Amino acid sequence: RAASAIGKEPGQKTFIEYAIDYSKANAPLAQDLYNDDVGNSGMFLCSPLARTITGVTLYVDNGLHAMGMAIDSESMSDRNQ
């Protein structure tokens, strides 16, 4: 992962690892998210199928953006230890 070095301390999860765990635990669509999913969304927007779509923010996050942040999520339980 490109961001795996952010905040890396020996024996600790990185911020991106916490974010992935949080997403898996709380996103409405309980599935892995891949870089191809983002690329496919971009390809769709460039295709004739999206010719009438303008000025939209397209979230590719398994629906997590609609849920808000749950600070009491089990995936974050060991974050501040």
C-alpha atoms as a PDB file:
ATOM      1  CA  ARG A   1       0.000   0.000   0.000  1.00  0.00           C
ATOM      2  CA  ALA A   2       1.256   3.407  -0.911  1.00  0.00           C
ATOM      3  CA  ALA A   3       0.327   4.949   2.451  1.00  0.00           C
ATOM      4  CA  SER A   4       1.486   2.049   4.610  1.00  0.00           C
ATOM      5  CA  ALA A   5       4.472   4.007   5.921  1.00  0.00           C
ATOM      6  CA  ILE A   6       2.371   6.841   7.371  1.00  0.00           C
ATOM      7  CA  GLY A   7       2.677   6.742  11.160  1.00  0.00           C
ATOM      8  CA  LYS A   8       4.444   3.388  11.192  1.00  0.00           C
ATOM      9  CA  GLU A   9       5.826   2.524  14.604  1.00  0.00           C
ATOM     10  CA  PRO A  10       7.173  -0.909  15.457  1.00  0.00           C
ATOM     11  CA  GLY A  11       4.386  -3.187  16.667  1.00  0.00           C
ATOM     12  CA  GLN A  12       1.650  -0.634  15.870  1.00  0.00           C
ATOM     13  CA  LYS A  13      -0.920  -0.471  13.098  1.00  0.00           C
ATOM     14  CA  THR A  14      -0.565   2.379  10.639  1.00  0.00           C
ATOM     15  CA  PHE A  15      -3.328   4.938  10.198  1.00  0.00           C
ATOM     16  CA  ILE A  16      -4.269   3.398   6.851  1.00  0.00           C
ATOM     17  CA  GLU A  17      -4.600  -0.045   8.472  1.00  0.00           C
ATOM     18  CA  TYR A  18      -7.017   1.432  11.026  1.00  0.00           C
ATOM     19  CA  ALA A  19      -8.940   3.135   8.213  1.00  0.00           C
ATOM     20  CA  ILE A  20      -9.239  -0.134   6.276  1.00  0.00           C
ATOM     21  CA  ASP A  21     -10.386  -2.028   9.376  1.00  0.00           C
ATOM     22  CA  TYR A  22     -12.921   0.722  10.112  1.00  0.00           C
ATOM     23  CA  SER A  23     -14.248   0.628   6.564  1.00  0.00           C
ATOM     24  CA  LYS A  24     -14.649  -3.149   6.609  1.00  0.00           C
ATOM     25  CA  ALA A  25     -16.462  -3.010   9.950  1.00  0.00           C
ATOM     26  CA  ASN A  26     -18.796  -0.072   9.214  1.00  0.00           C
ATOM     27  CA  ALA A  27     -19.429   0.330   5.465  1.00  0.00           C
ATOM     28  CA  PRO A  28     -22.936  -0.627   4.281  1.00  0.00           C
ATOM     29  CA  LEU A  29     -21.478  -2.745   1.466  1.00  0.00           C
ATOM     30  CA  ALA A  30     -19.358  -5.267   3.327  1.00  0.00           C
ATOM     31  CA  GLN A  31     -16.810  -6.013   0.628  1.00  0.00           C
ATOM     32  CA  ASP A  32     -13.207  -5.222  -0.152  1.00  0.00           C
ATOM     33  CA  LEU A  33     -12.521  -2.035  -2.100  1.00  0.00           C
ATOM     34  CA  TYR A  34      -9.886  -2.217  -4.814  1.00  0.00           C
ATOM     35  CA  ASN A  35      -8.090   0.362  -6.922  1.00  0.00           C
ATOM     36  CA  ASP A  36      -9.884  -1.104  -9.939  1.00  0.00           C
ATOM     37  CA  ASP A  37     -13.182   0.042  -8.403  1.00  0.00           C
ATOM     38  CA  VAL A  38     -11.962   3.638  -8.481  1.00  0.00           C
ATOM     39  CA  GLY A  39     -10.588   3.209 -12.005  1.00  0.00           C
ATOM     40  CA  ASN A  40     -13.839   1.675 -13.244  1.00  0.00           C
ATOM     41  CA  SER A  41     -15.765   4.630 -11.837  1.00  0.00           C
ATOM     42  CA  GLY A  42     -13.471   6.988 -13.728  1.00  0.00           C
ATOM     43  CA  MET A  43     -13.902   4.953 -16.911  1.00  0.00           C
ATOM     44  CA  PHE A  44     -17.673   5.132 -16.494  1.00  0.00           C
ATOM     45  CA  LEU A  45     -17.542   8.921 -16.162  1.00  0.00           C
ATOM     46  CA  CYS A  46     -15.495   9.105 -19.377  1.00  0.00           C
ATOM     47  CA  SER A  47     -17.865   6.814 -21.262  1.00  0.00           C
ATOM     48  CA  PRO A  48     -20.955   7.716 -23.309  1.00  0.00           C
ATOM     49  CA  LEU A  49     -23.066   6.212 -20.501  1.00  0.00           C
ATOM     50  CA  ALA A  50     -22.243   9.256 -18.346  1.00  0.00           C
ATOM     51  CA  ARG A  51     -22.732  11.912 -21.020  1.00  0.00           C
ATOM     52  CA  THR A  52     -25.369  13.801 -19.002  1.00  0.00           C
ATOM     53  CA  ILE A  53     -23.601  13.625 -15.645  1.00  0.00           C
ATOM     54  CA  THR A  54     -22.068  16.955 -14.571  1.00  0.00           C
ATOM     55  CA  GLY A  55     -20.794  18.467 -11.340  1.00  0.00           C
ATOM     56  CA  VAL A  56     -21.052  15.399  -9.153  1.00  0.00           C
ATOM     57  CA  THR A  57     -18.866  14.098  -6.360  1.00  0.00           C
ATOM     58  CA  LEU A  58     -18.700  10.360  -6.874  1.00  0.00           C
ATOM     59  CA  TYR A  59     -17.745   8.496  -3.718  1.00  0.00           C
ATOM     60  CA  VAL A  60     -16.174   5.097  -4.287  1.00  0.00           C
ATOM     61  CA  ASP A  61     -16.168   3.869  -0.691  1.00  0.00           C
ATOM     62  CA  ASN A  62     -18.767   1.083  -0.315  1.00  0.00           C
ATOM     63  CA  GLY A  63     -21.250   3.644   1.044  1.00  0.00           C
ATOM     64  CA  LEU A  64     -19.120   4.668   4.028  1.00  0.00           C
ATOM     65  CA  HIS A  65     -19.470   8.410   3.266  1.00  0.00           C
ATOM     66  CA  ALA A  66     -23.189   8.206   4.028  1.00  0.00           C
ATOM     67  CA  MET A  67     -22.707   6.636   7.456  1.00  0.00           C
ATOM     68  CA  GLY A  68     -20.665   9.225   9.361  1.00  0.00           C
ATOM     69  CA  MET A  69     -17.861   8.335  11.760  1.00  0.00           C
ATOM     70  CA  ALA A  70     -18.527   6.036  14.692  1.00  0.00           C
ATOM     71  CA  ILE A  71     -15.763   6.689  17.200  1.00  0.00           C
ATOM     72  CA  ASP A  72     -16.948   3.783  19.334  1.00  0.00           C
ATOM     73  CA  SER A  73     -16.384   1.265  16.534  1.00  0.00           C
ATOM     74  CA  GLU A  74     -14.715  -1.991  17.580  1.00  0.00           C
ATOM     75  CA  SER A  75     -12.166  -1.482  14.800  1.00  0.00           C
ATOM     76  CA  MET A  76     -10.814   1.591  16.640  1.00  0.00           C
ATOM     77  CA  SER A  77     -10.791   0.070  20.142  1.00  0.00           C
ATOM     78  CA  ASP A  78      -7.006  -0.198  20.445  1.00  0.00           C
ATOM     79  CA  ARG A  79      -6.186   3.078  18.599  1.00  0.00           C
ATOM     80  CA  ASN A  80      -5.348   5.170  21.666  1.00  0.00           C
ATOM     81  CA  GLN A  81      -3.610   2.558  23.759  1.00  0.00           C
END
